[in-house]
Amino acid sequence: MKTMMRSDIFKKEVVVINDPIQFNKEDLIEKKINFDNKGIKGIVTDIMLNGIHVVARDLTMENESYSIEVEHDFSFVKLHIEMEGDNEYCPENPEKRGIYIPQGHYNLFYLPKIKGVLNYKTKRRRTLEITFTAEYLDKLFYPNLKTTIPLLAEAIANQTEYVMWEKSRSISPKLNALIEDILQCSYSGAIKKAFLESKMVEILSYLFTIINEEENTPLSIELSACDYLKILEVENILKTQFKEKHTLASIAAQVGLNNFKIKKYFKMVFNTTVFNYLTHVRMEYAKQLIEKGMPVCIVSEELGYKNPHHFTVAFKKTLGYLPSKLKN
């Protein structure tokens, strides 16, 4: 099992990584790399679990873009999440599948082998990449991988390419909460290993539930590229202006899409309503404040609730437990 990379950022040298994913080893292996080379600076966190490789990157670049030639001699399943920046894989063989993940999006895919170029067009990248071995998935979902996610199981069995979504999906509040749990984990040793392994199961269960619940009709049949971008704009408003009071009319005025289309297309893209999404964003923010010790009444007031009881009800309905649980 070997990965080879070549790029200007490596001074054209071939970088070889042997056994990038461990298996049948019980220890958690973690290292933080302070990267500073060819105008690229930042921190790369590398974590190996049993059959799982987690890489978190937080990098800034002097240049607008850079590329890396990459080749793997092994197959893998990867969940790739771009919080900031974007990622494009262009295979050397034009008949093979390429993958594009823009900012704020993610995708899960299986590629038997990799040989091509990774292109990055950004000055800032914050990413989380989780790579799973097929053996790990077989063991996790044994004996029902074929019924859990049949198309992926078939691709693995036949060594053919698989991408969960033709268009990478926008990061939902639920997925964002799981990402933050992984990135902000402060445990160490065996406790951290158990915590991260549980999050891997949770994140896979979440994704496989989504794909199994969705209709088979491609998104592009009903939703134009222009309207899709406007829906992403709606999502950005909800994520960045969540403390403000919103109506469908006020959102429609900002993005140039009528109320009916916003309701219909938002549900199509995010599998939830506009205001359920907004509530989830608000409650995840509230969770962070309460965990830091802020009183529930203050958090409630900051989010615009006149009555703390109404806030508590909304919190429990959204996250499944009372805010007081965070203080225990």
Protein backbone atom coordinates (compact mmCIF):
# COMPACT_ATOMS: atom_id res chain seq x y z
CA MET A 1 0.00 0.00 0.00
CA LYS A 2 1.73 3.15 -1.19
CA THR A 3 1.00 6.79 -2.12
CA MET A 4 3.29 8.84 -4.38
CA MET A 5 3.03 12.61 -4.88
CA ARG A 6 4.93 15.20 -6.90
CA SER A 7 4.47 18.97 -6.95
CA ASP A 8 6.23 22.33 -6.98
CA ILE A 9 5.45 22.55 -3.27
CA PHE A 10 7.65 19.45 -2.81
CA LYS A 11 10.33 20.95 -5.09
CA LYS A 12 9.37 18.39 -7.75
CA GLU A 13 10.65 15.58 -5.55
CA VAL A 14 8.59 12.40 -5.37
CA VAL A 15 7.08 12.06 -1.90
CA VAL A 16 6.33 8.42 -1.02
CA ILE A 17 4.06 7.42 1.84
CA ASN A 18 4.08 3.72 2.70
CA ASP A 19 1.08 2.11 4.39
CA PRO A 20 -0.97 5.33 4.65
CA ILE A 21 -3.85 3.43 6.27
CA GLN A 22 -3.24 0.97 9.08
CA PHE A 23 -5.44 -2.02 9.81
CA ASN A 24 -5.62 -4.57 12.62
CA LYS A 25 -3.68 -2.24 14.93
CA GLU A 26 -5.28 -1.15 18.16
CA ASP A 27 -3.37 2.04 18.98
CA LEU A 28 -4.34 5.55 17.93
CA ILE A 29 -1.50 7.27 16.10
CA GLU A 30 -1.66 11.07 15.87
CA LYS A 31 0.75 13.73 14.69
CA LYS A 32 0.51 17.44 13.98
CA ILE A 33 2.65 18.82 11.16
CA ASN A 34 3.53 22.51 10.99
CA PHE A 35 3.74 23.00 7.23
CA ASP A 36 5.72 25.90 5.77
CA ASN A 37 6.96 25.39 2.23
CA LYS A 38 6.73 27.20 -1.13
CA GLY A 39 4.35 29.82 0.25
CA ILE A 40 2.01 27.33 1.91
CA LYS A 41 1.69 27.58 5.69
CA GLY A 42 -0.50 25.94 8.25
CA ILE A 43 -1.17 22.84 10.32
CA VAL A 44 -1.94 19.32 9.13
CA THR A 45 -3.33 16.92 11.72
CA ASP A 46 -2.89 13.25 10.85
CA ILE A 47 -4.75 10.56 12.81
CA MET A 48 -4.74 6.81 12.21
CA LEU A 49 -7.34 4.52 13.72
CA ASN A 50 -8.10 0.89 12.99
CA GLY A 51 -8.85 0.93 9.25
CA ILE A 52 -9.40 4.70 9.20
CA HIS A 53 -7.12 7.58 8.24
CA VAL A 54 -8.23 11.10 9.29
CA VAL A 55 -6.48 14.18 7.90
CA ALA A 56 -7.46 17.72 8.88
CA ARG A 57 -5.83 20.61 7.05
CA ASP A 58 -5.82 24.32 7.86
CA LEU A 59 -3.57 25.99 5.28
CA THR A 60 -3.04 29.39 3.69
CA MET A 61 -1.34 29.92 0.32
CA GLU A 62 0.47 32.86 -1.22
CA ASN A 63 -0.61 31.83 -4.71
CA GLU A 64 -4.15 31.55 -6.01
CA SER A 65 -3.64 27.93 -7.05
CA TYR A 66 -1.39 24.89 -6.95
CA SER A 67 -1.45 21.28 -8.15
CA ILE A 68 -0.23 17.90 -6.94
CA GLU A 69 0.37 14.83 -9.09
CA VAL A 70 -0.85 11.86 -7.09
CA GLU A 71 -0.91 8.09 -7.44
CA HIS A 72 -2.24 5.37 -5.11
CA ASP A 73 -1.73 1.68 -5.72
CA PHE A 74 -4.63 0.71 -3.49
CA SER A 75 -8.39 1.19 -3.34
CA PHE A 76 -10.17 3.22 -0.68
CA VAL A 77 -13.43 4.81 0.37
CA LYS A 78 -13.08 8.49 1.25
CA LEU A 79 -15.33 11.12 2.78
CA HIS A 80 -13.89 14.44 1.64
CA ILE A 81 -15.17 17.66 3.23
CA GLU A 82 -14.12 21.14 2.09
CA MET A 83 -15.05 23.71 4.74
CA GLU A 84 -13.02 26.42 2.96
CA GLY A 85 -11.36 26.23 -0.44
CA ASP A 86 -12.02 23.64 -3.12
CA ASN A 87 -10.62 20.38 -4.44
CA GLU A 88 -10.64 18.94 -7.96
CA TYR A 89 -9.28 15.55 -8.96
CA CYS A 90 -8.55 15.14 -12.68
CA PRO A 91 -7.61 11.55 -13.60
CA GLU A 92 -4.80 10.93 -16.07
CA ASN A 93 -7.17 8.70 -18.04
CA PRO A 94 -9.99 10.99 -19.29
CA GLU A 95 -12.38 8.03 -19.28
CA LYS A 96 -12.03 7.69 -15.52
CA ARG A 97 -14.16 9.63 -13.07
CA GLY A 98 -13.07 13.05 -11.84
CA ILE A 99 -14.33 14.60 -8.62
CA TYR A 100 -14.95 18.25 -7.76
CA ILE A 101 -15.74 19.44 -4.23
CA PRO A 102 -16.25 23.21 -3.90
CA GLN A 103 -16.19 25.24 -0.71
CA GLY A 104 -18.76 24.22 1.89
CA HIS A 105 -19.40 20.86 0.20
CA TYR A 106 -18.57 17.20 0.65
CA ASN A 107 -18.79 13.86 -1.10
CA LEU A 108 -18.09 10.22 -0.39
CA PHE A 109 -16.51 8.08 -3.08
CA TYR A 110 -14.72 4.83 -3.84
CA LEU A 111 -11.86 4.73 -6.34
CA PRO A 112 -10.02 1.45 -7.04
CA LYS A 113 -6.85 3.35 -7.90
CA ILE A 114 -5.77 6.96 -8.22
CA LYS A 115 -3.50 8.42 -10.87
CA GLY A 116 -3.96 12.02 -11.86
CA VAL A 117 -3.72 15.60 -10.67
CA LEU A 118 -5.26 17.35 -7.68
CA ASN A 119 -5.98 21.02 -8.39
CA TYR A 120 -6.55 23.64 -5.72
CA LYS A 121 -7.71 27.17 -6.54
CA THR A 122 -7.82 29.02 -3.26
CA LYS A 123 -5.75 30.98 -0.76
CA ARG A 124 -7.24 29.21 2.26
CA ARG A 125 -8.08 25.56 2.76
CA ARG A 126 -9.80 23.99 5.73
CA THR A 127 -10.56 20.37 5.01
CA LEU A 128 -11.38 17.11 6.70
CA GLU A 129 -10.64 13.89 4.82
CA ILE A 130 -11.62 10.51 6.26
CA THR A 131 -10.42 7.44 4.40
CA PHE A 132 -11.82 3.99 5.17
CA THR A 133 -10.56 0.59 4.07
CA ALA A 134 -13.12 -1.75 2.50
CA GLU A 135 -12.28 -4.22 5.29
CA TYR A 136 -13.33 -1.68 7.90
CA LEU A 137 -16.72 -1.15 6.24
CA ASP A 138 -17.25 -4.89 5.83
CA LYS A 139 -16.55 -5.41 9.51
CA LEU A 140 -18.64 -2.44 10.65
CA PHE A 141 -21.75 -3.39 8.68
CA TYR A 142 -21.25 -7.18 8.63
CA PRO A 143 -23.11 -9.03 7.23
CA ASN A 144 -25.32 -6.35 5.65
CA LEU A 145 -23.06 -3.95 3.72
CA LYS A 146 -24.83 -4.97 0.49
CA THR A 147 -28.21 -3.96 1.87
CA THR A 148 -26.91 -0.91 3.78
CA ILE A 149 -25.37 0.76 0.73
CA PRO A 150 -25.73 -1.61 -2.24
CA LEU A 151 -24.15 0.54 -4.96
CA LEU A 152 -21.01 1.10 -2.89
CA ALA A 153 -20.81 -2.59 -1.94
CA GLU A 154 -21.14 -3.54 -5.61
CA ALA A 155 -18.41 -1.07 -6.63
CA ILE A 156 -16.05 -2.47 -4.00
CA ALA A 157 -16.75 -6.06 -5.06
CA ASN A 158 -16.21 -5.27 -8.75
CA GLN A 159 -13.36 -2.75 -8.26
CA THR A 160 -15.29 -0.05 -10.11
CA GLU A 161 -15.64 3.65 -9.35
CA TYR A 162 -18.43 4.99 -7.15
CA VAL A 163 -19.42 8.52 -6.11
CA MET A 164 -22.26 9.00 -3.66
CA TRP A 165 -23.52 12.15 -5.41
CA GLU A 166 -22.86 13.39 -8.94
CA LYS A 167 -22.82 16.92 -7.51
CA SER A 168 -21.06 17.29 -4.19
CA ARG A 169 -23.47 18.22 -1.40
CA SER A 170 -23.50 21.27 0.83
CA ILE A 171 -22.54 20.63 4.45
CA SER A 172 -25.67 20.36 6.59
CA PRO A 173 -25.90 21.58 10.21
CA LYS A 174 -25.92 17.98 11.45
CA LEU A 175 -22.80 17.10 9.46
CA ASN A 176 -21.15 20.35 10.52
CA ALA A 177 -21.77 19.45 14.17
CA LEU A 178 -20.12 16.05 13.65
CA ILE A 179 -17.17 17.71 11.91
CA GLU A 180 -16.67 20.10 14.83
CA ASP A 181 -16.89 17.22 17.32
CA ILE A 182 -14.02 15.53 15.47
CA LEU A 183 -11.90 18.65 14.98
CA GLN A 184 -12.40 20.00 18.52
CA CYS A 185 -11.92 16.70 20.35
CA SER A 186 -9.83 17.43 23.47
CA TYR A 187 -9.53 13.88 24.78
CA SER A 188 -6.33 11.86 24.63
CA GLY A 189 -5.22 8.25 24.55
CA ALA A 190 -7.77 5.45 24.72
CA ILE A 191 -10.64 7.86 25.44
CA LYS A 192 -9.90 9.86 22.28
CA LYS A 193 -9.66 6.67 20.25
CA ALA A 194 -13.06 5.47 21.49
CA PHE A 195 -14.61 8.91 20.94
CA LEU A 196 -13.32 9.25 17.37
CA GLU A 197 -14.30 5.70 16.47
CA SER A 198 -17.84 6.40 17.68
CA LYS A 199 -17.93 9.57 15.55
CA MET A 200 -16.83 7.59 12.49
CA VAL A 201 -19.77 5.24 12.97
CA GLU A 202 -22.14 8.17 13.53
CA ILE A 203 -21.00 10.05 10.44
CA LEU A 204 -21.27 6.96 8.20
CA SER A 205 -24.70 6.12 9.58
CA TYR A 206 -25.84 9.66 8.91
CA LEU A 207 -24.59 9.63 5.30
CA PHE A 208 -25.89 6.16 4.46
CA THR A 209 -29.30 7.06 5.88
CA ILE A 210 -29.44 10.12 3.61
CA ILE A 211 -28.57 8.21 0.45
CA ASN A 212 -31.07 5.45 1.23
CA GLU A 213 -33.89 7.92 1.89
CA GLU A 214 -33.39 10.05 -1.20
CA GLU A 215 -35.35 9.67 -4.38
CA ASN A 216 -33.52 8.31 -7.42
CA THR A 217 -34.47 11.29 -9.59
CA PRO A 218 -31.34 13.34 -10.36
CA LEU A 219 -31.35 16.83 -8.89
CA SER A 220 -30.40 18.42 -12.20
CA ILE A 221 -33.70 17.38 -13.86
CA GLU A 222 -35.72 19.82 -11.75
CA LEU A 223 -33.14 22.30 -10.56
CA SER A 224 -31.04 24.49 -12.83
CA ALA A 225 -27.44 25.37 -11.96
CA CYS A 226 -28.48 28.99 -11.43
CA ASP A 227 -31.24 28.09 -8.98
CA TYR A 228 -28.95 25.63 -7.19
CA LEU A 229 -26.46 28.43 -6.55
CA LYS A 230 -29.27 30.60 -5.19
CA ILE A 231 -30.27 27.85 -2.78
CA LEU A 232 -26.67 27.66 -1.60
CA GLU A 233 -26.89 31.42 -1.10
CA VAL A 234 -29.99 30.88 1.04
CA GLU A 235 -28.06 28.35 3.13
CA ASN A 236 -25.20 30.80 3.58
CA ILE A 237 -27.63 33.45 4.83
CA LEU A 238 -29.01 30.98 7.38
CA LYS A 239 -25.52 29.98 8.57
CA THR A 240 -24.06 33.49 8.81
CA GLN A 241 -27.12 35.55 9.80
CA PHE A 242 -28.80 33.05 12.13
CA LYS A 243 -29.36 35.58 14.93
CA GLU A 244 -31.56 37.74 12.72
CA LYS A 245 -35.30 37.35 12.20
CA HIS A 246 -36.04 35.83 8.80
CA THR A 247 -39.12 35.27 6.68
CA LEU A 248 -39.31 33.55 3.33
CA ALA A 249 -40.09 36.95 1.82
CA SER A 250 -36.99 38.58 3.32
CA ILE A 251 -34.77 35.71 2.15
CA ALA A 252 -36.35 35.73 -1.30
CA ALA A 253 -35.58 39.43 -1.64
CA GLN A 254 -31.91 38.79 -0.92
CA VAL A 255 -31.37 35.93 -3.37
CA GLY A 256 -33.86 36.75 -6.15
CA LEU A 257 -35.91 33.57 -5.92
CA ASN A 258 -39.63 33.43 -5.09
CA ASN A 259 -41.03 31.91 -1.90
CA PHE A 260 -42.39 28.79 -3.57
CA LYS A 261 -39.08 27.90 -5.24
CA ILE A 262 -37.12 28.55 -2.05
CA LYS A 263 -39.36 26.16 -0.08
CA LYS A 264 -39.35 23.48 -2.78
CA TYR A 265 -35.69 23.64 -3.82
CA PHE A 266 -34.29 24.02 -0.31
CA LYS A 267 -36.10 20.86 0.77
CA MET A 268 -34.82 19.12 -2.36
CA VAL A 269 -31.19 20.04 -1.70
CA PHE A 270 -31.03 19.76 2.10
CA ASN A 271 -33.82 17.31 2.86
CA THR A 272 -35.29 19.69 5.44
CA THR A 273 -37.19 22.97 5.53
CA VAL A 274 -35.63 26.43 5.62
CA PHE A 275 -36.70 27.08 9.19
CA ASN A 276 -35.81 23.62 10.51
CA TYR A 277 -32.35 24.23 9.09
CA LEU A 278 -32.19 27.67 10.73
CA THR A 279 -33.28 26.26 14.09
CA HIS A 280 -30.62 23.55 13.87
CA VAL A 281 -27.92 26.14 13.18
CA ARG A 282 -29.11 28.23 16.13
CA MET A 283 -29.20 25.25 18.51
CA GLU A 284 -25.72 24.08 17.54
CA TYR A 285 -24.49 27.60 18.28
CA ALA A 286 -26.37 27.55 21.59
CA LYS A 287 -24.79 24.20 22.45
CA GLN A 288 -21.31 25.66 22.03
CA LEU A 289 -22.11 28.62 24.29
CA ILE A 290 -23.68 26.48 27.02
CA GLU A 291 -20.72 24.09 26.96
CA LYS A 292 -18.50 27.10 27.61
CA GLY A 293 -20.53 27.94 30.72
CA MET A 294 -22.93 30.62 29.49
CA PRO A 295 -26.30 30.55 31.34
CA VAL A 296 -29.24 29.20 29.37
CA CYS A 297 -31.24 32.38 29.94
CA ILE A 298 -28.49 34.50 28.36
CA VAL A 299 -28.15 32.15 25.39
CA SER A 300 -31.91 32.19 24.95
CA GLU A 301 -31.98 35.98 24.92
CA GLU A 302 -29.06 36.20 22.47
CA LEU A 303 -30.95 34.00 20.01
CA GLY A 304 -34.10 36.12 20.26
CA TYR A 305 -36.27 33.95 22.51
CA LYS A 306 -38.38 36.07 24.87
CA ASN A 307 -39.07 33.08 27.09
CA PRO A 308 -36.22 30.69 28.11
CA HIS A 309 -38.76 27.86 28.32
CA HIS A 310 -39.53 28.23 24.62
CA PHE A 311 -35.82 28.05 23.91
CA THR A 312 -35.46 24.90 26.04
CA VAL A 313 -38.34 23.24 24.19
CA ALA A 314 -36.80 24.10 20.81
CA PHE A 315 -33.37 22.89 21.97
CA LYS A 316 -34.69 19.51 23.10
CA LYS A 317 -36.81 19.06 19.99
CA THR A 318 -33.81 19.81 17.76
CA LEU A 319 -30.95 18.05 19.56
CA GLY A 320 -32.86 15.43 21.53
CA TYR A 321 -31.86 16.46 25.06
CA LEU A 322 -32.25 19.36 27.47
CA PRO A 323 -29.65 22.15 27.64
CA SER A 324 -29.07 21.25 31.31
CA LYS A 325 -27.49 17.98 30.20
CA LEU A 326 -24.50 19.94 28.88
CA LYS A 327 -23.72 21.18 32.39
CA ASN A 328 -23.75 17.74 34.01
